[in-house]
Amino acid sequence: MEFYSKIPYKTIEDGIITLFKNILSETKSDSGSIFVFDEKKNIIFKSLFNIKMSIESLDIGKIDKWIIKKKKMYRISNFSEIPELKIYSKKNSEIKESIIYPIYLNDILLALINLNKTNSLFLDKDIKKVKDYEKILVSILSSVYFVEKNLLQQESFNNYILMIDIILDSFEKSKTQEEFINKIKEEIRKRFNIDVQIERSEKKELYSIKINNEYFNVNIEYIDEIGILGFLDEKKKIDLKKFEKILQFLEKILELKKIQEQEEKISNLLIASKENMILKFTSWKVFQEINSALSGIYLNIYNIKDECQNEILEIMPSIDRIKESVETYKKEYLKTDIEKISLNKIINEIIDEINIFEIKVKRVFETDIVLYIDKKILKNTLMVLFINLFKINQTLRDKTDITVKIYKEKGKTGSIEIILKDIKIKEKDIDIDIIRQTFENFHMNLIIESDKNTKIQILIPLK
């Protein structure tokens, strides 16, 4: 009698084999098989008698699956009498009668016994003998079940650790949320033989992860390659309740990945805007200093005595070269492209570009302010200011909405007003000096007021 076993205790194996031999002997069965299952209905023990196949090939048949679903013993001599099994009548023509008996304990499938006779039918006393052995069999198999359950609990713990490892490893190896989710799905499929579905949605389902205003709904299904789950009452979908802690952990890591992704995008945006702004600002300051120094040199030259005129004539070409180089650089790299712009449009563009923060921005534009100005410099300066404010807001546990107002004060002054409710921002929290100086170069005035709320106002002179 061949058998295959994953049961870790030999005494239990021997008990099952002895019991199966007794059942075969006392019912005078010509052939038969027995399967023992764990909590997940995986086969952990199987044995066959007088069946023309190897133990490795022995598996649950379609008739067995149908009977497992019915949860009761079937004594079948004519398959055609059962509508669902008619198609198997010819395939089993050598068998005179079969007993197929799924054994349950409190609705838990423990085992499946299959007994066959080829030359005669089973007697009623044979059925009674099989049922008499049921209590002994349940006693042995329930011990297998609970041993396996303990092992499964240990396995579950190990799987928890492995799942956390997958999440952290996927986090480290991904740049975006999408990459992160795909890596997790791929690794879980590879290691656990299950499909994880994580889908974005605006609606919350039974198991959802919420990131800002977006839900990620989670479902898990076994990869059912042999089709057994379709014949069992247990559905393919796995109850995620026992994975709630893992889902909570995943939620935090997914949120962190979102912040990391935002941080990278916004950093690139900030660097580009800031570099351009600093270049212009620094260049202006440097050239102001150079021009001031050159003016001082020219003034001092006039006070030098006549006997030094030869030396002066030698110095002057070098000084003139410095002056010409400055003018050439200014013309080439510090071009001021004055154009007519809509302030409302500029602010809308900036807010839309940095919308990756997913912060609600209330826009109150009472009027449109039209300016003749270098659009690129103004936009970069405003961009740096907004990014700094959004980043500060993003770091808070309770994020606040931001209000942006554009209006005119007494007709001669335009105003951009940015209000952050319940946040106190000080000037030291923002790289404000260059921003303020750049606004001043446009004759604009930057004011920061911080009490319970923070109000940042940019006053713009109008013609």
Protein backbone atom coordinates (compact mmCIF):
# COMPACT_ATOMS: atom_id res chain seq x y z
CA MET A 1 0.00 0.00 0.00
CA GLU A 2 1.55 3.24 -1.16
CA PHE A 3 1.12 6.49 0.70
CA TYR A 4 2.30 10.09 0.64
CA SER A 5 2.43 12.16 3.81
CA LYS A 6 3.28 15.63 5.05
CA ILE A 7 2.14 14.77 8.57
CA PRO A 8 5.11 15.30 10.90
CA TYR A 9 4.20 12.46 13.32
CA LYS A 10 4.77 8.82 12.36
CA THR A 11 2.35 7.46 14.98
CA ILE A 12 -0.50 9.39 13.35
CA GLU A 13 0.55 8.19 9.90
CA ASP A 14 0.59 4.58 11.13
CA GLY A 15 -2.83 5.02 12.73
CA ILE A 16 -4.38 6.28 9.49
CA ILE A 17 -2.81 3.48 7.42
CA THR A 18 -3.94 0.77 9.88
CA LEU A 19 -7.47 2.15 9.97
CA PHE A 20 -7.66 2.37 6.18
CA LYS A 21 -6.43 -1.24 5.85
CA ASN A 22 -9.11 -2.40 8.31
CA ILE A 23 -11.85 -0.57 6.37
CA LEU A 24 -10.67 -2.10 3.08
CA SER A 25 -10.49 -5.56 4.63
CA GLU A 26 -13.81 -5.56 6.49
CA THR A 27 -15.76 -4.15 3.54
CA LYS A 28 -13.96 -6.53 1.14
CA SER A 29 -13.18 -3.59 -1.16
CA ASP A 30 -11.24 -4.36 -4.33
CA SER A 31 -9.61 -0.93 -4.47
CA GLY A 32 -9.71 2.37 -2.70
CA SER A 33 -8.04 5.58 -1.66
CA ILE A 34 -7.97 8.00 1.25
CA PHE A 35 -7.13 11.71 1.38
CA VAL A 36 -6.49 13.80 4.49
CA PHE A 37 -6.70 17.61 4.33
CA ASP A 38 -5.35 20.52 6.32
CA GLU A 39 -7.22 23.69 7.26
CA LYS A 40 -6.76 25.14 3.77
CA LYS A 41 -7.95 21.90 2.12
CA ASN A 42 -4.47 21.06 0.92
CA ILE A 43 -3.76 17.32 0.76
CA ILE A 44 -1.38 16.38 3.59
CA PHE A 45 -1.82 12.61 3.36
CA LYS A 46 -2.98 10.22 0.66
CA SER A 47 -2.88 6.48 0.20
CA LEU A 48 -4.11 4.10 -2.48
CA PHE A 49 -4.85 0.40 -2.73
CA ASN A 50 -4.98 -1.59 -5.97
CA ILE A 51 -5.34 1.49 -8.18
CA LYS A 52 -3.33 1.57 -11.39
CA MET A 53 -1.50 4.84 -10.87
CA SER A 54 1.42 6.14 -8.86
CA ILE A 55 0.87 7.82 -5.52
CA GLU A 56 2.26 11.03 -7.03
CA SER A 57 -0.45 11.03 -9.70
CA LEU A 58 -3.27 10.31 -7.26
CA ASP A 59 -5.47 13.37 -6.86
CA ILE A 60 -9.02 14.47 -6.13
CA GLY A 61 -11.27 13.53 -9.05
CA LYS A 62 -14.22 15.49 -10.37
CA ILE A 63 -16.69 13.02 -8.86
CA ASP A 64 -14.93 13.39 -5.51
CA LYS A 65 -15.18 17.17 -5.74
CA TRP A 66 -18.89 16.99 -6.43
CA ILE A 67 -19.44 14.75 -3.38
CA ILE A 68 -17.22 16.92 -1.17
CA LYS A 69 -19.54 19.77 -2.02
CA LYS A 70 -22.58 17.68 -1.00
CA LYS A 71 -20.99 16.83 2.39
CA LYS A 72 -22.48 13.35 2.68
CA MET A 73 -21.69 9.71 1.87
CA TYR A 74 -22.67 8.44 -1.57
CA ARG A 75 -23.10 4.79 -2.51
CA ILE A 76 -23.02 4.73 -6.30
CA SER A 77 -23.65 1.68 -8.47
CA ASN A 78 -25.11 3.49 -11.45
CA PHE A 79 -23.64 6.90 -12.21
CA SER A 80 -26.32 7.59 -14.79
CA GLU A 81 -28.90 7.76 -11.98
CA ILE A 82 -27.29 10.98 -10.77
CA PRO A 83 -27.81 13.69 -13.43
CA GLU A 84 -24.62 15.56 -12.52
CA LEU A 85 -22.53 12.36 -12.84
CA LYS A 86 -24.03 10.81 -15.99
CA ILE A 87 -21.01 11.68 -18.10
CA TYR A 88 -18.80 9.47 -15.87
CA SER A 89 -20.87 6.28 -16.23
CA LYS A 90 -18.78 4.85 -19.11
CA LYS A 91 -15.47 5.82 -17.58
CA ASN A 92 -16.30 3.81 -14.46
CA SER A 93 -17.78 0.77 -16.22
CA GLU A 94 -15.26 -1.59 -14.56
CA ILE A 95 -16.48 -0.60 -11.10
CA LYS A 96 -19.63 -2.33 -9.88
CA GLU A 97 -20.18 -0.01 -6.93
CA SER A 98 -18.37 2.77 -5.07
CA ILE A 99 -18.62 4.30 -1.63
CA ILE A 100 -17.37 7.88 -1.51
CA TYR A 101 -17.38 9.30 1.98
CA PRO A 102 -16.29 12.85 2.90
CA ILE A 103 -15.60 13.08 6.64
CA TYR A 104 -16.33 16.38 8.35
CA LEU A 105 -15.91 17.68 11.88
CA ASN A 106 -17.98 20.77 12.68
CA ASP A 107 -18.19 21.59 8.99
CA ILE A 108 -14.42 21.17 8.58
CA LEU A 109 -13.37 18.73 5.85
CA LEU A 110 -10.94 16.23 7.40
CA ALA A 111 -10.77 13.38 4.90
CA LEU A 112 -12.25 11.65 1.89
CA ILE A 113 -12.52 7.85 1.62
CA ASN A 114 -13.14 6.14 -1.71
CA LEU A 115 -13.96 2.38 -1.76
CA ASN A 116 -14.68 0.33 -4.89
CA LYS A 117 -15.97 -3.15 -5.75
CA THR A 118 -15.59 -4.64 -9.22
CA ASN A 119 -17.52 -7.96 -8.99
CA SER A 120 -20.22 -7.37 -6.41
CA LEU A 121 -22.12 -4.69 -4.55
CA PHE A 122 -21.51 -3.42 -1.04
CA LEU A 123 -23.81 -4.76 1.65
CA ASP A 124 -25.64 -2.66 4.21
CA LYS A 125 -23.35 -4.07 6.90
CA ASP A 126 -20.37 -2.70 4.92
CA ILE A 127 -21.84 0.77 5.12
CA LYS A 128 -22.37 0.29 8.86
CA LYS A 129 -18.74 -0.79 9.30
CA VAL A 130 -17.50 2.30 7.48
CA LYS A 131 -19.67 4.49 9.70
CA ASP A 132 -18.50 2.61 12.82
CA TYR A 133 -14.93 3.50 11.93
CA GLU A 134 -15.87 7.14 11.46
CA LYS A 135 -15.55 8.05 15.17
CA ILE A 136 -12.09 6.50 15.41
CA LEU A 137 -11.10 8.12 12.15
CA VAL A 138 -12.40 11.53 13.27
CA SER A 139 -10.46 11.17 16.52
CA ILE A 140 -7.22 10.46 14.67
CA LEU A 141 -7.83 12.99 11.91
CA SER A 142 -8.90 15.76 14.29
CA SER A 143 -5.57 15.37 16.07
CA VAL A 144 -3.93 15.72 12.64
CA TYR A 145 -6.07 18.77 12.00
CA PHE A 146 -5.14 20.49 15.26
CA VAL A 147 -1.46 19.61 14.87
CA GLU A 148 -1.62 21.05 11.40
CA LYS A 149 -3.50 24.06 12.70
CA ASN A 150 -0.69 24.78 15.16
CA LEU A 151 1.80 24.39 12.37
CA LEU A 152 -0.30 26.70 10.22
CA GLN A 153 -0.33 29.30 12.99
CA GLN A 154 3.45 29.13 13.02
CA GLU A 155 3.40 29.32 9.24
CA SER A 156 1.04 32.32 9.42
CA PHE A 157 3.46 34.11 11.71
CA ASN A 158 6.33 33.35 9.33
CA ASN A 159 4.17 34.55 6.43
CA TYR A 160 3.46 37.79 8.30
CA ILE A 161 7.18 38.37 8.61
CA LEU A 162 7.69 37.47 4.96
CA MET A 163 4.85 39.79 3.93
CA ILE A 164 6.40 42.69 5.83
CA ASP A 165 9.73 41.88 4.18
CA ILE A 166 8.05 41.94 0.74
CA ILE A 167 6.43 45.31 1.48
CA LEU A 168 9.66 46.90 2.70
CA ASP A 169 11.74 45.41 -0.11
CA SER A 170 9.21 46.58 -2.72
CA PHE A 171 9.23 50.04 -1.15
CA GLU A 172 13.00 50.24 -1.42
CA LYS A 173 13.08 49.06 -5.04
CA SER A 174 10.29 51.28 -6.41
CA LYS A 175 10.09 54.95 -7.29
CA THR A 176 6.33 55.44 -7.60
CA GLN A 177 3.15 54.12 -6.00
CA GLU A 178 2.32 52.17 -9.16
CA GLU A 179 5.72 50.45 -9.19
CA PHE A 180 5.41 49.72 -5.47
CA ILE A 181 1.97 48.10 -5.85
CA ASN A 182 3.02 46.06 -8.90
CA LYS A 183 6.15 44.74 -7.15
CA ILE A 184 4.10 43.68 -4.11
CA LYS A 185 1.55 41.87 -6.32
CA GLU A 186 4.31 40.13 -8.27
CA GLU A 187 6.19 38.96 -5.16
CA ILE A 188 3.06 37.77 -3.33
CA ARG A 189 1.97 35.79 -6.37
CA LYS A 190 5.42 34.24 -6.64
CA ARG A 191 5.82 33.34 -2.96
CA PHE A 192 2.26 32.60 -1.79
CA ASN A 193 0.49 31.45 -4.97
CA ILE A 194 -2.23 34.04 -4.50
CA ASP A 195 -3.38 36.97 -6.60
CA VAL A 196 -3.64 40.34 -4.90
CA GLN A 197 -5.87 42.93 -6.52
CA ILE A 198 -5.25 46.52 -5.43
CA GLU A 199 -7.44 48.91 -7.36
CA ARG A 200 -7.81 52.68 -7.07
CA SER A 201 -11.31 53.94 -6.41
CA GLU A 202 -13.21 56.92 -5.08
CA LYS A 203 -15.51 54.58 -3.13
CA LYS A 204 -14.63 52.61 -0.03
CA GLU A 205 -15.18 48.85 -0.08
CA LEU A 206 -14.92 46.21 2.66
CA TYR A 207 -11.13 46.26 2.76
CA SER A 208 -9.76 49.60 1.66
CA ILE A 209 -6.60 51.59 2.17
CA LYS A 210 -7.15 55.34 2.18
CA ILE A 211 -4.45 57.69 0.93
CA ASN A 212 -5.57 61.32 1.03
CA ASN A 213 -8.89 61.38 -0.84
CA GLU A 214 -8.29 58.15 -2.74
CA TYR A 215 -9.08 54.54 -1.83
CA PHE A 216 -7.12 51.43 -2.75
CA ASN A 217 -9.55 48.50 -2.55
CA VAL A 218 -7.89 45.17 -1.79
CA ASN A 219 -9.00 41.63 -2.68
CA ILE A 220 -7.02 38.40 -2.57
CA GLU A 221 -7.76 35.20 -4.47
CA TYR A 222 -6.05 31.83 -4.54
CA ILE A 223 -4.56 30.81 -7.86
CA ASP A 224 -6.86 27.83 -8.44
CA GLU A 225 -4.87 25.78 -10.93
CA ILE A 226 -6.58 22.40 -10.34
CA GLY A 227 -10.09 23.83 -10.07
CA ILE A 228 -10.88 22.36 -6.66
CA LEU A 229 -12.22 25.57 -5.16
CA GLY A 230 -15.13 25.64 -7.55
CA PHE A 231 -16.40 22.39 -6.00
CA LEU A 232 -16.13 23.57 -2.40
CA ASP A 233 -18.39 25.85 -0.42
CA GLU A 234 -15.37 27.97 0.40
CA LYS A 235 -15.08 30.70 -2.19
CA LYS A 236 -11.92 31.62 -3.99
CA LYS A 237 -11.73 34.97 -2.24
CA ILE A 238 -9.76 35.00 0.99
CA ASP A 239 -11.18 36.64 4.09
CA LEU A 240 -8.89 39.60 4.66
CA LYS A 241 -9.99 40.14 8.25
CA LYS A 242 -7.00 38.22 9.61
CA PHE A 243 -4.71 40.40 7.50
CA GLU A 244 -6.02 43.70 8.87
CA LYS A 245 -2.76 44.52 10.66
CA ILE A 246 -0.79 43.88 7.49
CA LEU A 247 -3.21 46.11 5.57
CA GLN A 248 -2.77 48.86 8.16
CA PHE A 249 0.99 48.53 7.79
CA LEU A 250 0.68 48.57 3.99
CA GLU A 251 -1.47 51.70 4.23
CA LYS A 252 1.25 53.57 6.13
CA ILE A 253 3.98 52.41 3.75
CA LEU A 254 1.85 53.26 0.72
CA GLU A 255 1.26 56.72 2.17
CA LEU A 256 5.00 57.07 2.73
CA LYS A 257 5.67 56.06 -0.87
CA LYS A 258 3.17 58.69 -2.01
CA ILE A 259 4.98 61.34 0.02
CA GLN A 260 8.34 60.14 -1.32
CA GLU A 261 7.02 60.31 -4.87
CA GLN A 262 5.60 63.79 -4.28
CA GLU A 263 8.84 64.89 -2.65
CA GLU A 264 10.89 63.82 -5.65
CA LYS A 265 8.57 65.51 -8.14
CA ILE A 266 8.32 68.68 -6.14
CA SER A 267 12.07 68.76 -5.48
CA ASN A 268 12.75 68.65 -9.21
CA LEU A 269 10.22 71.42 -9.75
CA LEU A 270 11.63 73.46 -6.88
CA ILE A 271 15.23 73.02 -8.01
CA ALA A 272 14.42 74.19 -11.53
CA SER A 273 12.46 77.23 -10.34
CA LYS A 274 14.87 78.11 -7.56
CA GLU A 275 18.00 77.77 -9.69
CA ASN A 276 16.59 80.15 -12.27
CA MET A 277 15.48 82.60 -9.60
CA ILE A 278 18.79 82.45 -7.70
CA LEU A 279 20.78 82.83 -10.91
CA LYS A 280 18.93 86.03 -11.79
CA PHE A 281 19.00 87.34 -8.24
CA THR A 282 22.68 86.51 -7.65
CA SER A 283 23.71 87.89 -11.02
CA TRP A 284 21.92 91.17 -10.32
CA LYS A 285 23.67 91.51 -6.96
CA VAL A 286 27.08 90.59 -8.37
CA PHE A 287 26.75 93.02 -11.25
CA GLN A 288 25.59 95.77 -8.92
CA GLU A 289 28.73 95.21 -6.85
CA ILE A 290 30.95 95.13 -9.96
CA ASN A 291 29.40 98.33 -11.32
CA SER A 292 29.81 99.99 -7.95
CA ALA A 293 33.47 98.90 -7.81
CA LEU A 294 34.09 100.12 -11.36
CA SER A 295 32.54 103.50 -10.54
CA GLY A 296 34.87 103.78 -7.55
CA ILE A 297 37.89 102.92 -9.70
CA TYR A 298 36.94 105.52 -12.32
CA LEU A 299 36.52 108.14 -9.60
CA ASN A 300 39.90 107.33 -8.05
CA ILE A 301 41.63 107.47 -11.42
CA TYR A 302 40.74 111.15 -11.78
CA ASN A 303 42.53 111.87 -8.48
CA ILE A 304 45.77 110.18 -9.50
CA LYS A 305 48.64 112.57 -10.22
CA ASP A 306 49.69 113.36 -13.77
CA GLU A 307 53.04 111.59 -13.43
CA CYS A 308 51.13 108.28 -13.22
CA GLN A 309 49.31 108.75 -16.51
CA ASN A 310 51.32 106.01 -18.23
CA GLU A 311 50.27 103.49 -15.58
CA ILE A 312 46.66 104.67 -15.87
CA LEU A 313 46.72 104.14 -19.62
CA GLU A 314 47.84 100.55 -19.00
CA ILE A 315 45.09 99.90 -16.41
CA MET A 316 42.19 101.44 -18.35
CA PRO A 317 41.91 98.74 -21.07
CA SER A 318 41.58 96.03 -18.38
CA ILE A 319 38.89 98.00 -16.56
CA ASP A 320 37.04 98.60 -19.80
CA ARG A 321 37.22 94.87 -20.59
CA ILE A 322 35.56 94.07 -17.25
CA LYS A 323 32.81 96.56 -17.97
CA GLU A 324 32.25 95.22 -21.49
CA SER A 325 32.18 91.61 -20.22
CA VAL A 326 29.51 92.49 -17.67
CA GLU A 327 27.38 94.21 -20.30
CA THR A 328 27.80 91.30 -22.73
CA TYR A 329 26.80 88.76 -20.04
CA LYS A 330 23.76 90.82 -19.06
CA LYS A 331 22.62 91.05 -22.67
CA GLU A 332 23.18 87.33 -23.31
CA TYR A 333 22.00 85.66 -20.10
CA LEU A 334 19.94 88.20 -18.21
CA LYS A 335 17.52 89.10 -20.90
CA THR A 336 14.39 90.64 -19.53
CA ASP A 337 11.47 89.50 -21.63
CA ILE A 338 8.70 91.90 -20.76
CA GLU A 339 5.27 90.66 -21.77
CA LYS A 340 1.64 91.18 -20.92
CA ILE A 341 0.43 88.53 -18.47
CA SER A 342 -2.70 87.63 -16.54
CA LEU A 343 -1.90 87.17 -12.84
CA ASN A 344 -4.93 84.91 -12.42
CA LYS A 345 -3.64 82.63 -15.18
CA ILE A 346 -0.13 82.49 -13.68
CA ILE A 347 -1.49 81.54 -10.23
CA ASN A 348 -3.76 78.87 -11.74
CA GLU A 349 -0.83 77.38 -13.68
CA ILE A 350 1.31 77.20 -10.54
CA ILE A 351 -1.41 75.58 -8.40
CA ASP A 352 -2.18 73.03 -11.13
CA GLU A 353 1.51 72.18 -11.61
CA ILE A 354 2.07 71.47 -7.92
CA ASN A 355 -1.26 69.70 -7.46
CA ILE A 356 0.63 66.46 -6.67
CA PHE A 357 0.32 67.53 -3.03
CA GLU A 358 -3.44 66.95 -3.38
CA ILE A 359 -4.16 69.90 -1.11
CA LYS A 360 -7.46 71.68 -1.58
CA VAL A 361 -6.86 75.23 -2.77
CA LYS A 362 -9.76 77.65 -2.72
CA ARG A 363 -9.30 80.28 -5.40
CA VAL A 364 -11.03 83.60 -4.81
CA PHE A 365 -10.21 85.84 -7.77
CA GLU A 366 -12.26 89.01 -7.43
CA THR A 367 -10.61 90.54 -10.47
CA ASP A 368 -7.90 89.79 -12.96
CA ILE A 369 -4.70 91.78 -12.63
CA VAL A 370 -2.82 92.39 -15.87
CA LEU A 371 0.92 93.10 -15.62
CA TYR A 372 3.72 93.94 -18.03
CA ILE A 373 6.56 91.94 -16.55
CA ASP A 374 9.12 89.17 -17.07
CA LYS A 375 6.77 86.19 -16.80
CA LYS A 376 9.45 83.57 -16.21
CA ILE A 377 11.06 85.34 -13.26
CA LEU A 378 7.72 86.17 -11.64
CA LYS A 379 6.38 82.64 -12.11
CA ASN A 380 9.54 81.01 -10.73
CA THR A 381 9.47 83.29 -7.68
CA LEU A 382 5.80 82.57 -6.97
CA MET A 383 6.42 78.85 -7.63
CA VAL A 384 9.17 78.68 -5.00
CA LEU A 385 6.93 80.49 -2.49
CA PHE A 386 3.95 78.19 -3.11
CA ILE A 387 6.05 75.01 -2.99
CA ASN A 388 7.51 76.01 0.36
CA LEU A 389 4.04 76.68 1.77
CA PHE A 390 2.60 73.43 0.37
CA LYS A 391 5.52 71.42 1.75
CA ILE A 392 5.02 72.86 5.22
CA ASN A 393 1.31 72.05 5.03
CA GLN A 394 2.04 68.52 3.79
CA THR A 395 4.15 67.70 6.86
CA LEU A 396 1.28 68.46 9.25
CA ARG A 397 -0.86 65.65 10.62
CA ASP A 398 -4.05 67.67 10.11
CA LYS A 399 -3.60 69.28 6.74
CA THR A 400 -5.39 72.54 6.17
CA ASP A 401 -7.00 73.96 3.08
CA ILE A 402 -5.33 76.96 1.47
CA THR A 403 -7.12 80.03 0.19
CA VAL A 404 -5.61 82.21 -2.54
CA LYS A 405 -7.18 85.60 -3.18
CA ILE A 406 -6.49 88.12 -5.92
CA TYR A 407 -8.04 91.56 -5.64
CA LYS A 408 -7.36 95.28 -6.00
CA GLU A 409 -6.94 97.69 -3.12
CA LYS A 410 -8.31 101.17 -3.87
CA GLY A 411 -7.58 100.67 -7.55
CA LYS A 412 -3.86 101.50 -7.35
CA THR A 413 -2.54 98.37 -5.66
CA GLY A 414 -3.08 94.75 -6.60
CA SER A 415 -2.89 92.04 -3.96
CA ILE A 416 -2.17 88.32 -3.89
CA GLU A 417 -3.22 86.92 -0.53
CA ILE A 418 -2.41 83.36 0.58
CA ILE A 419 -4.17 82.22 3.76
CA LEU A 420 -3.33 79.03 5.66
CA LYS A 421 -5.83 78.36 8.41
CA ASP A 422 -4.64 77.21 11.86
CA ILE A 423 -0.97 77.23 10.83
CA LYS A 424 1.73 79.55 12.12
CA ILE A 425 4.54 80.02 9.62
CA LYS A 426 7.51 82.21 10.42
CA GLU A 427 9.88 83.78 7.94
CA LYS A 428 12.66 81.43 9.03
CA ASP A 429 10.50 78.48 7.87
CA ILE A 430 10.79 79.70 4.27
CA ASP A 431 13.86 80.67 2.27
CA ILE A 432 12.37 84.14 2.17
CA ASP A 433 15.28 86.53 1.54
CA ILE A 434 15.78 85.80 -2.14
CA ILE A 435 12.01 85.58 -2.71
CA ARG A 436 11.46 88.95 -1.04
CA GLN A 437 14.38 90.59 -2.89
CA THR A 438 13.11 89.30 -6.23
CA PHE A 439 9.66 90.76 -5.54
CA GLU A 440 11.30 94.04 -4.53
CA ASN A 441 13.12 94.11 -7.86
CA PHE A 442 9.62 94.26 -9.37
CA HIS A 443 8.68 96.95 -6.79
CA MET A 444 6.40 94.45 -5.07
CA ASN A 445 6.14 94.14 -1.30
CA LEU A 446 5.98 90.76 0.50
CA ILE A 447 4.31 90.73 3.94
CA ILE A 448 3.97 87.71 6.25
CA GLU A 449 1.53 87.86 9.17
CA SER A 450 1.24 84.90 11.52
CA ASP A 451 -1.11 84.78 14.46
CA LYS A 452 -3.60 81.93 14.70
CA ASN A 453 -3.56 81.72 10.91
CA THR A 454 -0.83 82.63 8.45
CA LYS A 455 -1.45 85.30 5.84
CA ILE A 456 1.09 86.01 3.13
CA GLN A 457 0.39 89.09 1.06
CA ILE A 458 2.14 90.36 -2.05
CA LEU A 459 1.32 93.98 -2.82
CA ILE A 460 1.68 94.92 -6.49
CA PRO A 461 1.82 98.55 -7.66
CA LEU A 462 -0.56 99.21 -10.55
CA LYS A 463 -0.43 102.04 -13.05
